[in-house]
Amino acid sequence: MTNPATTRRGTEQRVTKQRLAVNAALGQVDDFVTAQELHRWLLGEGDKVSLATVYRLLLSMAEDGLVDVLRNNEGEAMYRQCVIEHHHHHLVCRTCGKAVEVEAPAVEKWAARVAEENGFTEPTHTVEIYGLCPACSASQAAGTS
């Protein structure tokens, strides 16, 4: 059986101790994290990996489709292993950062139609919807945000 830290979409990556540590750390977090947050977590777990290596591995894993990437309000990249392995989108809470994976067939059809209407072929897209999760909405309504 192949290791999900090393393969997807037909690519094969060299397995290193640092790559396995980053992959394991991503498996422990529920929401998107920055490279710095992940680096701090790794150091706290006793893993010896530089911040530059964390960045490099996350970029490589994103290129290979092993992690999803989105940008926070400051424009900083955030990473997460996703449960859905095919194309999907996210609902992201602006307050706590909670992310929910969603499939959106209507968005797929719309993107294909808009591309075709404008003479584009092989369209790709990224859709992230930002709002407040139920818990943050409730806190805000109660005045405790």
Protein backbone atom coordinates (compact mmCIF):
# COMPACT_ATOMS: atom_id res chain seq x y z
CA MET A 1 0.00 0.00 0.00
CA THR A 2 1.33 3.45 -0.83
CA ASN A 3 1.84 6.14 1.75
CA PRO A 4 -0.47 9.16 1.25
CA ALA A 5 2.43 11.38 2.33
CA THR A 6 4.32 10.41 -0.78
CA THR A 7 1.95 9.72 -3.64
CA ARG A 8 -1.11 11.02 -5.40
CA ARG A 9 -1.96 11.86 -8.97
CA GLY A 10 0.73 9.53 -10.23
CA THR A 11 3.67 11.33 -8.62
CA GLU A 12 6.20 9.76 -6.29
CA GLN A 13 8.11 11.76 -3.69
CA ARG A 14 11.16 10.81 -1.69
CA VAL A 15 10.17 9.84 1.83
CA THR A 16 12.13 11.72 4.47
CA LYS A 17 11.75 11.90 8.22
CA GLN A 18 10.77 15.57 7.90
CA ARG A 19 8.15 14.86 5.22
CA LEU A 20 6.60 12.12 7.34
CA ALA A 21 6.57 14.46 10.38
CA VAL A 22 4.84 17.24 8.40
CA ASN A 23 2.32 14.76 7.01
CA ALA A 24 1.62 13.34 10.49
CA ALA A 25 1.23 16.84 11.94
CA LEU A 26 -1.26 17.78 9.21
CA GLY A 27 -3.19 14.64 10.08
CA GLN A 28 -3.54 15.91 13.67
CA VAL A 29 -5.08 19.31 12.82
CA ASP A 30 -8.71 19.76 11.85
CA ASP A 31 -8.53 23.16 10.21
CA PHE A 32 -6.16 25.03 7.94
CA VAL A 33 -2.81 26.05 9.46
CA THR A 34 0.02 28.31 8.35
CA ALA A 35 3.52 26.98 7.87
CA GLN A 36 4.60 28.87 11.00
CA GLU A 37 1.82 27.30 13.09
CA LEU A 38 2.71 23.86 11.80
CA HIS A 39 6.41 24.49 12.47
CA ARG A 40 5.68 25.50 16.09
CA TRP A 41 3.55 22.38 16.52
CA LEU A 42 6.33 20.17 15.14
CA LEU A 43 8.91 21.73 17.47
CA GLY A 44 6.55 21.20 20.40
CA GLU A 45 6.33 17.52 19.46
CA GLY A 46 10.12 17.27 19.41
CA ASP A 47 10.51 17.04 15.63
CA LYS A 48 13.66 18.69 14.34
CA VAL A 49 12.63 20.42 11.13
CA SER A 50 13.44 23.93 9.96
CA LEU A 51 10.78 26.45 9.00
CA ALA A 52 12.25 26.57 5.48
CA THR A 53 11.83 22.79 5.19
CA VAL A 54 8.22 23.03 6.38
CA TYR A 55 7.53 25.67 3.70
CA ARG A 56 9.24 23.59 1.00
CA LEU A 57 7.40 20.41 1.95
CA LEU A 58 4.02 22.12 2.13
CA LEU A 59 4.54 23.66 -1.31
CA SER A 60 5.55 20.29 -2.72
CA MET A 61 2.59 18.56 -1.10
CA ALA A 62 0.23 21.23 -2.44
CA GLU A 63 1.63 20.83 -5.97
CA ASP A 64 1.08 17.07 -5.70
CA GLY A 65 -2.51 17.54 -4.52
CA LEU A 66 -1.80 16.10 -1.07
CA VAL A 67 -2.96 19.26 0.74
CA ASP A 68 -5.33 22.08 -0.02
CA VAL A 69 -4.20 25.68 0.21
CA LEU A 70 -6.16 28.83 0.85
CA ARG A 71 -5.20 32.35 1.87
CA ASN A 72 -6.24 33.98 5.14
CA ASN A 73 -7.30 37.63 5.48
CA GLU A 74 -3.64 38.68 5.57
CA GLY A 75 -2.92 36.80 2.33
CA GLU A 76 -0.86 34.13 4.09
CA ALA A 77 -1.08 30.58 2.72
CA MET A 78 -2.82 28.05 4.97
CA TYR A 79 -2.68 24.28 4.47
CA ARG A 80 -4.78 21.25 5.35
CA GLN A 81 -5.11 17.62 4.37
CA CYS A 82 -8.57 17.25 2.97
CA VAL A 83 -10.93 14.35 3.31
CA ILE A 84 -12.32 14.76 -0.21
CA GLU A 85 -9.58 13.77 -2.63
CA HIS A 86 -11.17 15.16 -5.78
CA HIS A 87 -11.91 18.76 -6.73
CA HIS A 88 -13.93 20.56 -4.07
CA HIS A 89 -14.37 23.91 -2.34
CA HIS A 90 -14.43 25.22 1.22
CA LEU A 91 -16.64 27.23 3.53
CA VAL A 92 -14.27 29.06 5.89
CA CYS A 93 -15.17 30.86 9.11
CA ARG A 94 -13.74 34.38 9.20
CA THR A 95 -13.55 34.32 12.98
CA CYS A 96 -12.21 30.92 14.07
CA GLY A 97 -10.88 29.54 10.76
CA LYS A 98 -13.05 26.40 10.80
CA ALA A 99 -13.29 24.97 7.28
CA VAL A 100 -15.91 22.69 5.79
CA GLU A 101 -15.32 20.86 2.52
CA VAL A 102 -18.17 21.18 0.03
CA GLU A 103 -18.87 19.89 -3.43
CA ALA A 104 -20.59 22.36 -5.71
CA PRO A 105 -21.76 20.88 -9.03
CA ALA A 106 -23.53 24.14 -9.91
CA VAL A 107 -20.19 26.01 -9.61
CA GLU A 108 -18.50 23.45 -11.85
CA LYS A 109 -21.19 23.86 -14.53
CA TRP A 110 -21.08 27.64 -14.24
CA ALA A 111 -17.28 27.76 -14.58
CA ALA A 112 -17.36 25.49 -17.63
CA ARG A 113 -20.14 27.54 -19.24
CA VAL A 114 -18.43 30.90 -18.62
CA ALA A 115 -15.14 29.55 -19.99
CA GLU A 116 -16.85 28.15 -23.10
CA GLU A 117 -18.81 31.37 -23.71
CA ASN A 118 -15.51 33.24 -23.74
CA GLY A 119 -13.62 30.75 -25.89
CA PHE A 120 -11.52 29.32 -23.05
CA THR A 121 -10.70 25.63 -22.80
CA GLU A 122 -9.52 23.48 -19.89
CA PRO A 123 -10.82 25.84 -17.20
CA THR A 124 -9.75 25.46 -13.58
CA HIS A 125 -10.92 27.47 -10.61
CA THR A 126 -10.78 27.87 -6.87
CA VAL A 127 -13.79 28.89 -4.81
CA GLU A 128 -13.58 29.60 -1.11
CA ILE A 129 -16.66 30.98 0.65
CA TYR A 130 -15.98 32.99 3.81
CA GLY A 131 -18.58 33.57 6.51
CA LEU A 132 -19.28 32.74 10.14
CA CYS A 133 -19.62 29.15 11.32
CA PRO A 134 -22.64 28.26 13.51
CA ALA A 135 -20.65 28.58 16.76
CA CYS A 136 -19.22 31.99 15.88
CA SER A 137 -22.63 33.17 14.62
CA ALA A 138 -24.17 32.14 17.94
CA SER A 139 -21.40 33.88 19.90
CA GLN A 140 -21.82 37.05 17.86
CA ALA A 141 -25.61 36.97 18.32
CA ALA A 142 -25.12 36.57 22.07
CA GLY A 143 -22.63 39.45 22.09
CA THR A 144 -19.73 37.29 23.30
CA SER A 145 -17.46 37.37 20.23
